[in-house]
Protein backbone atom coordinates (compact mmCIF):
# COMPACT_ATOMS: atom_id res chain seq x y z
CA MET A 1 -23.55 8.33 20.43
CA ARG A 2 -21.38 7.51 17.61
CA LYS A 3 -21.93 7.37 13.86
CA VAL A 4 -20.02 5.84 11.04
CA SER A 5 -18.02 7.72 8.73
CA TYR A 6 -16.16 6.61 5.46
CA LEU A 7 -14.14 10.00 5.28
CA PRO A 8 -10.89 7.75 5.91
CA LEU A 9 -11.63 5.83 2.73
CA TRP A 10 -12.55 9.02 0.63
CA HIS A 11 -9.29 10.42 1.44
CA LEU A 12 -7.47 7.14 0.54
CA LEU A 13 -9.31 6.94 -2.86
CA LEU A 14 -8.07 10.52 -3.25
CA GLU A 15 -4.53 9.67 -2.55
CA ARG A 16 -4.64 6.70 -4.90
CA GLY A 17 -6.27 8.85 -7.76
CA MET A 18 -9.13 6.38 -7.77
CA THR A 19 -12.99 7.03 -8.11
CA LYS A 20 -15.68 5.81 -5.74
CA SER A 21 -17.13 3.93 -8.89
CA GLN A 22 -13.80 2.29 -9.62
CA MET A 23 -13.58 1.11 -5.95
CA ARG A 24 -16.92 -0.20 -6.09
CA ILE A 25 -15.99 -2.33 -9.13
CA GLU A 26 -12.60 -3.42 -7.75
CA ALA A 27 -14.46 -4.36 -4.38
CA GLY A 28 -17.30 -6.28 -6.42
CA LEU A 29 -19.80 -4.03 -4.61
CA THR A 30 -23.40 -3.14 -5.54
CA THR A 31 -24.43 0.38 -6.29
CA ASN A 32 -26.73 0.23 -3.25
CA VAL A 33 -23.68 -0.47 -1.09
CA LEU A 34 -21.90 2.52 -2.48
CA ALA A 35 -25.13 4.94 -1.99
CA ASN A 36 -25.41 3.78 1.54
CA MET A 37 -21.83 4.75 2.07
CA ASN A 38 -22.35 8.11 0.37
CA LYS A 39 -25.31 8.61 2.88
CA GLY A 40 -22.99 7.73 5.89
CA GLN A 41 -25.07 4.78 6.48
CA HIS A 42 -23.91 1.16 7.69
CA ILE A 43 -22.74 -1.29 5.23
CA SER A 44 -22.11 -5.10 6.24
CA MET A 45 -18.95 -6.45 7.54
CA GLU A 46 -18.56 -8.45 4.40
CA SER A 47 -18.60 -5.31 2.29
CA LEU A 48 -15.92 -3.70 4.28
CA ILE A 49 -13.73 -6.52 3.92
CA ARG A 50 -14.10 -6.47 0.32
CA ILE A 51 -13.03 -2.90 0.23
CA CYS A 52 -9.97 -3.71 2.32
CA ASP A 53 -9.00 -6.80 0.26
CA ALA A 54 -9.59 -4.82 -2.92
CA LEU A 55 -7.46 -1.61 -1.84
CA ASP A 56 -5.04 -3.99 0.26
CA CYS A 57 -5.60 -1.52 3.40
CA GLU A 58 -6.84 -2.21 7.05
CA LEU A 59 -10.41 -1.28 8.17
CA LYS A 60 -9.20 1.79 10.00
CA ASP A 61 -8.14 3.18 6.62
CA VAL A 62 -11.83 2.84 5.53
CA VAL A 63 -14.21 3.48 8.49
CA GLU A 64 -14.20 5.39 11.62
CA LEU A 65 -16.53 6.18 14.48
CA VAL A 66 -17.34 9.81 15.24
CA LYS A 67 -19.20 11.21 18.24
CA THR A 68 -22.43 12.80 17.36
CA GLU A 69 -24.00 15.43 19.64
CA GLU A 70 -27.70 14.44 21.02
């Protein structure tokens, strides 16, 4: 089984000196979407596209799938 990880995005934000809140505002996301991301939960494809557009990056720079042990 796999789970969603936003670790690539968190690293990208660090590289750019941007906070999660700044990214949320730039991408036009709600606080609930950011909260879900912080919990490693799924968000909509629309939200992912907004992040990519706001940061001028690709989906692979935002999210990755990681294997979990079950």
